[in-house]
Amino acid sequence: MPAPKYPLYSAAISLFNSHSIPYYLDEERGWVINISTLKSTLELAKAAGTEVRAIVVINPSNPTGASLSEDDILSVLMFAAEHNLVVIADEVYQANIYVGQFYSFKRGLRKLQTTSHAQYANLQLASLNSVSKGLAGECGHRGGYLELVGFEPDVVTQIFHYASISVCPPVIGQCLLEMVVNPPVEGSPSYPLFKKEQDAILNNFSSQSSVLVDVFNRMEGVRCQKAKGGMCLFPTVELPPAAIEAAKKESKEPDAFYASRMLDETGVCIVPGSTYGQKSGTWHFRCLFLPSGLEWIDRVVAFHKAFMEEFSGVGL
């Protein structure tokens, strides 16, 4: 699984008496997947006696906002085929691309199968989409689907039976899912309004993301990569040693200590990077920019300056 990742994956896999092996995304290159990191991670896992069965990819990424290129996706698929791994592609933010274009894993798989059919004929892909994210539900309504490609019919039947145990979808979620799968097309009566609202949402995301990246990168000790999609950013924050010690005294991770102080003093809620996974010795936070307006950012800048002065004597 990627690190950072959406925490539901680590929670869900524990139900199956299994565990995850984190592969760290390349922050310096905009949180992309580094194939050499994948290879070394797999080798270490095998050396430790772990039977690795699948690879999870979140694209566009939650929490980093990164979006993979066609070459990145093809490289992951080739890696999975080489090592006989099931690909679980979380693509729930696919409608939220505001820099570049979305390229799906299924499209990449079909391309590989066209050029080298035998080598990729049996590659198994599970693709996930949801109305709970993206443009339709926007973290509100619930509904989604799973597409299985390359799986044996008996396996699909068992997965369907397992999923049916807890199925209780809300009616609105089902209606929204139909709209996500079959959106208005050009020439239909509702298309102009749909396109206008879609463009407005994406332009708002792009604008707010750019402003936040600029502000974060001007804050002392904070570095933030640009996002291409999704609704959030994942900046690095270099916390002073005194702040790390203060966090230990409260039995908190340093980034959780920073986030809780920010919430108490500004009313702004960020999520510590330790929730999502991060390289040892680094600290991050996830910042969502779904709501319109950035009037709260001045409070965050003032808080950060005071926090740094309190624990290191160094301001902005």
Protein backbone atom coordinates (compact mmCIF):
# COMPACT_ATOMS: atom_id res chain seq x y z
CA MET A 1 0.00 0.00 0.00
CA PRO A 2 1.19 3.55 -0.65
CA ALA A 3 2.47 5.72 2.14
CA PRO A 4 0.84 8.12 2.70
CA LYS A 5 -2.49 6.41 2.06
CA TYR A 6 -6.16 6.60 2.96
CA PRO A 7 -6.25 5.00 6.46
CA LEU A 8 -9.33 2.86 5.76
CA TYR A 9 -7.11 0.39 3.87
CA SER A 10 -4.94 -0.49 6.87
CA ALA A 11 -8.03 -0.76 9.06
CA ALA A 12 -9.85 -3.03 6.59
CA ILE A 13 -6.97 -5.41 5.96
CA SER A 14 -6.65 -6.17 9.68
CA LEU A 15 -10.09 -7.82 9.44
CA PHE A 16 -8.55 -10.44 7.14
CA ASN A 17 -5.71 -11.37 9.51
CA SER A 18 -3.26 -9.74 7.13
CA HIS A 19 -1.04 -6.68 7.13
CA SER A 20 0.17 -4.01 4.76
CA ILE A 21 3.64 -3.35 3.40
CA PRO A 22 4.10 0.41 2.81
CA TYR A 23 5.84 1.66 -0.31
CA TYR A 24 6.78 5.29 0.10
CA LEU A 25 5.72 7.78 -2.56
CA ASP A 26 8.37 10.12 -3.96
CA GLU A 27 7.58 13.48 -2.37
CA GLU A 28 10.35 15.38 -4.15
CA ARG A 29 8.88 14.39 -7.53
CA GLY A 30 5.34 15.37 -6.58
CA TRP A 31 4.32 12.22 -4.67
CA VAL A 32 4.61 9.87 -7.67
CA ILE A 33 5.28 6.13 -7.52
CA ASN A 34 8.95 5.20 -7.82
CA ILE A 35 9.27 1.74 -9.42
CA SER A 36 12.69 1.14 -7.85
CA THR A 37 11.06 1.75 -4.44
CA LEU A 38 8.35 -0.77 -5.32
CA LYS A 39 10.97 -3.37 -6.24
CA SER A 40 13.06 -2.89 -3.10
CA THR A 41 9.94 -2.90 -0.91
CA LEU A 42 8.78 -6.19 -2.44
CA GLU A 43 12.21 -7.76 -2.08
CA LEU A 44 12.40 -6.82 1.61
CA ALA A 45 8.89 -8.16 2.23
CA LYS A 46 9.69 -11.49 0.57
CA ALA A 47 12.96 -11.75 2.48
CA ALA A 48 10.95 -11.35 5.69
CA GLY A 49 8.69 -14.24 4.67
CA THR A 50 5.70 -12.14 3.61
CA GLU A 51 3.53 -13.41 0.78
CA VAL A 52 2.57 -10.23 -1.06
CA ARG A 53 -0.70 -10.69 -2.95
CA ALA A 54 -1.76 -7.29 -4.23
CA ILE A 55 -0.73 -3.68 -4.74
CA VAL A 56 -3.00 -0.75 -3.86
CA VAL A 57 -2.69 2.45 -5.89
CA ILE A 58 -4.70 5.58 -5.06
CA ASN A 59 -4.98 7.81 -8.12
CA PRO A 60 -5.59 10.71 -7.83
CA SER A 61 -3.98 10.41 -4.44
CA ASN A 62 -5.61 10.94 -1.09
CA PRO A 63 -4.03 12.68 0.83
CA THR A 64 -1.39 14.18 -1.51
CA GLY A 65 -3.44 15.33 -4.52
CA ALA A 66 -0.95 13.74 -6.96
CA SER A 67 -2.14 12.35 -10.29
CA LEU A 68 -0.24 9.60 -12.13
CA SER A 69 0.78 9.89 -15.76
CA GLU A 70 0.15 7.22 -18.39
CA ASP A 71 3.78 6.07 -18.12
CA ASP A 72 3.50 5.78 -14.32
CA ILE A 73 0.39 3.62 -14.61
CA LEU A 74 1.86 1.38 -17.31
CA SER A 75 4.97 0.88 -15.16
CA VAL A 76 2.87 -0.19 -12.17
CA LEU A 77 0.88 -2.63 -14.32
CA MET A 78 4.07 -4.14 -15.75
CA PHE A 79 5.47 -4.48 -12.24
CA ALA A 80 2.28 -6.20 -11.05
CA ALA A 81 2.30 -8.61 -14.00
CA GLU A 82 5.95 -9.48 -13.42
CA HIS A 83 5.30 -10.35 -9.77
CA ASN A 84 1.80 -11.81 -10.13
CA LEU A 85 0.08 -9.14 -8.03
CA VAL A 86 -3.57 -8.14 -8.10
CA VAL A 87 -3.90 -4.39 -8.77
CA ILE A 88 -6.40 -2.54 -6.58
CA ALA A 89 -6.88 0.86 -8.19
CA ASP A 90 -8.66 3.41 -6.01
CA GLU A 91 -9.80 5.95 -8.59
CA VAL A 92 -12.52 7.72 -6.61
CA TYR A 93 -11.14 11.21 -7.31
CA GLN A 94 -10.97 10.71 -11.08
CA ALA A 95 -13.45 13.53 -11.78
CA ASN A 96 -11.38 15.95 -9.69
CA ILE A 97 -8.46 16.52 -12.06
CA TYR A 98 -7.66 20.19 -12.63
CA VAL A 99 -4.07 19.84 -13.94
CA GLY A 100 -3.63 17.46 -16.86
CA GLN A 101 -5.95 14.53 -17.53
CA PHE A 102 -7.03 11.39 -15.71
CA TYR A 103 -5.67 8.12 -17.10
CA SER A 104 -7.34 4.98 -15.77
CA PHE A 105 -5.68 1.70 -14.89
CA LYS A 106 -8.17 -0.18 -17.06
CA ARG A 107 -7.22 1.92 -20.06
CA GLY A 108 -3.56 1.19 -19.34
CA LEU A 109 -4.25 -2.52 -18.98
CA ARG A 110 -6.12 -2.66 -22.28
CA LYS A 111 -3.22 -0.90 -23.98
CA LEU A 112 -0.74 -3.43 -22.65
CA GLN A 113 -3.01 -6.31 -23.62
CA THR A 114 -3.25 -4.93 -27.16
CA THR A 115 0.52 -4.68 -27.58
CA SER A 116 1.61 -7.72 -25.54
CA HIS A 117 -1.54 -9.76 -25.03
CA ALA A 118 -0.05 -12.99 -23.67
CA GLN A 119 2.03 -11.32 -20.98
CA TYR A 120 -0.88 -9.32 -19.52
CA ALA A 121 -3.86 -11.53 -20.41
CA ASN A 122 -4.27 -12.78 -16.83
CA LEU A 123 -3.47 -9.60 -14.94
CA GLN A 124 -6.23 -8.98 -12.38
CA LEU A 125 -7.46 -5.45 -11.79
CA ALA A 126 -10.03 -4.19 -9.29
CA SER A 127 -11.05 -0.60 -10.01
CA LEU A 128 -12.96 1.47 -7.42
CA ASN A 129 -15.11 4.54 -7.95
CA SER A 130 -17.44 6.41 -5.64
CA VAL A 131 -20.00 9.20 -5.52
CA SER A 132 -18.81 9.96 -1.99
CA LYS A 133 -15.84 11.84 -3.45
CA GLY A 134 -15.41 13.63 -6.76
CA LEU A 135 -17.89 16.16 -8.05
CA ALA A 136 -21.18 14.40 -7.30
CA GLY A 137 -21.21 13.65 -3.58
CA GLU A 138 -18.29 15.82 -2.47
CA CYS A 139 -17.72 13.94 0.79
CA GLY A 140 -21.43 13.78 1.54
CA HIS A 141 -23.69 11.20 -0.12
CA ARG A 142 -22.66 7.54 -0.17
CA GLY A 143 -22.56 5.13 -3.08
CA GLY A 144 -19.96 3.44 -5.23
CA TYR A 145 -18.98 0.47 -7.34
CA LEU A 146 -16.19 -2.03 -7.91
CA GLU A 147 -15.23 -3.28 -11.36
CA LEU A 148 -13.32 -6.55 -11.59
CA VAL A 149 -11.21 -7.21 -14.69
CA GLY A 150 -9.49 -10.54 -15.35
CA PHE A 151 -10.98 -12.43 -12.40
CA GLU A 152 -12.47 -15.91 -12.71
CA PRO A 153 -16.31 -15.95 -12.59
CA ASP A 154 -16.32 -18.05 -9.40
CA VAL A 155 -14.15 -15.45 -7.66
CA VAL A 156 -16.46 -12.65 -8.78
CA THR A 157 -19.43 -14.60 -7.39
CA GLN A 158 -17.77 -14.99 -3.99
CA ILE A 159 -16.86 -11.30 -3.84
CA PHE A 160 -20.45 -10.42 -4.71
CA HIS A 161 -21.73 -12.69 -1.93
CA TYR A 162 -19.34 -11.13 0.57
CA ALA A 163 -20.34 -7.59 -0.42
CA SER A 164 -24.03 -8.46 -0.21
CA ILE A 165 -23.76 -9.23 3.49
CA SER A 166 -23.64 -5.54 4.39
CA VAL A 167 -25.33 -3.86 1.44
CA CYS A 168 -27.72 -1.14 2.56
CA PRO A 169 -27.36 1.66 0.00
CA PRO A 170 -29.32 4.90 0.42
CA VAL A 171 -31.68 5.73 -2.42
CA ILE A 172 -30.06 9.13 -3.08
CA GLY A 173 -26.66 7.44 -3.30
CA GLN A 174 -27.97 5.01 -5.91
CA CYS A 175 -29.44 7.87 -7.94
CA LEU A 176 -26.17 9.78 -7.77
CA LEU A 177 -24.25 6.69 -8.86
CA GLU A 178 -26.39 6.45 -11.98
CA MET A 179 -25.56 10.11 -12.70
CA VAL A 180 -21.84 9.48 -12.21
CA VAL A 181 -21.85 6.49 -14.55
CA ASN A 182 -24.08 8.22 -17.14
CA PRO A 183 -23.50 11.98 -16.86
CA PRO A 184 -25.18 14.49 -19.19
CA VAL A 185 -23.61 14.45 -22.65
CA GLU A 186 -23.13 17.30 -25.05
CA GLY A 187 -26.39 18.01 -26.85
CA SER A 188 -28.62 16.94 -23.97
CA PRO A 189 -30.85 19.58 -22.29
CA SER A 190 -29.02 19.52 -18.95
CA TYR A 191 -25.47 19.48 -20.35
CA PRO A 192 -24.84 23.28 -20.38
CA LEU A 193 -25.76 23.61 -16.70
CA PHE A 194 -23.81 20.45 -15.81
CA LYS A 195 -20.71 21.73 -17.64
CA LYS A 196 -21.00 25.16 -16.05
CA GLU A 197 -21.22 23.73 -12.52
CA GLN A 198 -18.46 21.17 -13.19
CA ASP A 199 -16.08 23.83 -14.48
CA ALA A 200 -16.88 26.13 -11.56
CA ILE A 201 -16.07 23.41 -9.01
CA LEU A 202 -12.81 22.41 -10.70
CA ASN A 203 -11.72 26.02 -11.16
CA ASN A 204 -12.42 26.64 -7.48
CA PHE A 205 -10.32 23.60 -6.49
CA SER A 206 -7.48 24.68 -8.77
CA SER A 207 -7.50 28.25 -7.50
CA GLN A 208 -7.68 27.35 -3.81
CA SER A 209 -5.01 24.68 -4.20
CA SER A 210 -2.60 27.11 -5.87
CA VAL A 211 -3.14 29.77 -3.21
CA LEU A 212 -2.57 27.31 -0.38
CA VAL A 213 0.58 25.85 -1.94
CA ASP A 214 2.00 29.37 -2.23
CA VAL A 215 1.08 30.28 1.35
CA PHE A 216 2.41 27.03 2.83
CA ASN A 217 5.73 27.35 0.98
CA ARG A 218 6.20 30.83 2.48
CA MET A 219 5.73 29.50 6.03
CA GLU A 220 8.98 28.79 7.86
CA GLY A 221 9.82 25.06 7.87
CA VAL A 222 6.92 24.09 5.60
CA ARG A 223 7.22 22.63 2.09
CA CYS A 224 4.24 21.72 -0.06
CA GLN A 225 4.10 19.97 -3.43
CA LYS A 226 1.55 21.14 -6.00
CA ALA A 227 -1.57 19.04 -6.42
CA LYS A 228 -3.10 17.94 -9.72
CA GLY A 229 -6.39 16.58 -8.41
CA GLY A 230 -8.41 15.68 -5.36
CA MET A 231 -9.39 18.03 -2.58
CA CYS A 232 -6.35 18.16 -0.33
CA LEU A 233 -2.66 18.96 0.12
CA PHE A 234 -0.05 17.15 2.21
CA PRO A 235 2.67 19.60 3.28
CA THR A 236 5.83 18.69 5.17
CA VAL A 237 6.40 20.62 8.38
CA GLU A 238 9.78 20.67 10.14
CA LEU A 239 8.97 20.82 13.83
CA PRO A 240 11.51 22.17 16.35
CA PRO A 241 13.04 19.65 18.79
CA ALA A 242 11.31 21.41 21.69
CA ALA A 243 7.92 20.82 20.05
CA ILE A 244 8.75 17.14 19.55
CA GLU A 245 9.65 16.84 23.24
CA ALA A 246 6.44 18.63 24.25
CA ALA A 247 4.48 16.15 22.13
CA LYS A 248 6.16 13.20 23.87
CA LYS A 249 5.14 14.58 27.26
CA GLU A 250 1.52 14.56 26.06
CA SER A 251 1.94 11.05 24.54
CA LYS A 252 1.19 12.40 21.05
CA GLU A 253 2.91 12.17 17.71
CA PRO A 254 4.58 15.53 16.98
CA ASP A 255 2.34 16.26 13.98
CA ALA A 256 -0.74 15.34 16.04
CA PHE A 257 0.48 17.74 18.73
CA TYR A 258 0.85 20.47 16.10
CA ALA A 259 -2.60 19.73 14.63
CA SER A 260 -4.36 19.72 18.00
CA ARG A 261 -2.75 23.02 18.97
CA MET A 262 -3.88 24.51 15.66
CA LEU A 263 -7.45 23.31 16.22
CA ASP A 264 -7.56 24.71 19.74
CA GLU A 265 -6.13 28.09 18.77
CA THR A 266 -7.64 28.71 15.34
CA GLY A 267 -10.65 26.42 14.96
CA VAL A 268 -9.04 25.02 11.79
CA CYS A 269 -8.96 21.22 11.66
CA ILE A 270 -6.10 19.53 9.80
CA VAL A 271 -5.19 15.85 10.01
CA PRO A 272 -1.69 14.79 11.13
CA GLY A 273 0.40 12.95 8.55
CA SER A 274 1.01 10.08 10.99
CA THR A 275 -2.61 9.06 10.33
CA TYR A 276 -1.75 8.33 6.69
CA GLY A 277 1.81 7.03 6.96
CA GLN A 278 5.05 8.91 6.32
CA LYS A 279 8.79 8.33 6.28
CA SER A 280 10.32 8.03 9.72
CA GLY A 281 11.51 11.36 11.09
CA THR A 282 9.27 13.43 8.81
CA TRP A 283 6.05 15.21 9.76
CA HIS A 284 3.17 16.23 7.54
CA PHE A 285 -0.44 17.35 7.74
CA ARG A 286 -3.41 16.91 5.41
CA CYS A 287 -5.29 20.09 4.56
CA LEU A 288 -8.67 19.90 2.81
CA PHE A 289 -9.81 22.78 0.61
CA LEU A 290 -13.30 21.56 -0.32
CA PRO A 291 -15.24 24.54 1.12
CA SER A 292 -15.13 27.77 -0.84
CA GLY A 293 -13.16 30.64 0.61
CA LEU A 294 -9.75 30.87 2.29
CA GLU A 295 -10.42 33.50 4.94
CA TRP A 296 -9.18 31.00 7.56
CA ILE A 297 -5.65 30.82 6.16
CA ASP A 298 -4.52 34.01 7.91
CA ARG A 299 -5.28 32.35 11.25
CA VAL A 300 -3.14 29.37 10.26
CA VAL A 301 -0.20 31.58 9.22
CA ALA A 302 -0.38 33.52 12.50
CA PHE A 303 -0.64 30.30 14.51
CA HIS A 304 2.37 28.74 12.77
CA LYS A 305 4.50 31.82 13.37
CA ALA A 306 3.61 31.87 17.07
CA PHE A 307 4.14 28.09 17.35
CA MET A 308 7.63 28.30 15.84
CA GLU A 309 8.53 31.23 18.05
CA GLU A 310 7.30 29.40 21.14
CA PHE A 311 9.34 26.27 20.52
CA SER A 312 12.41 27.55 18.71
CA GLY A 313 12.50 31.30 19.06
CA VAL A 314 12.49 31.59 15.28
CA GLY A 315 9.60 33.24 13.48
CA LEU A 316 8.73 33.60 9.82
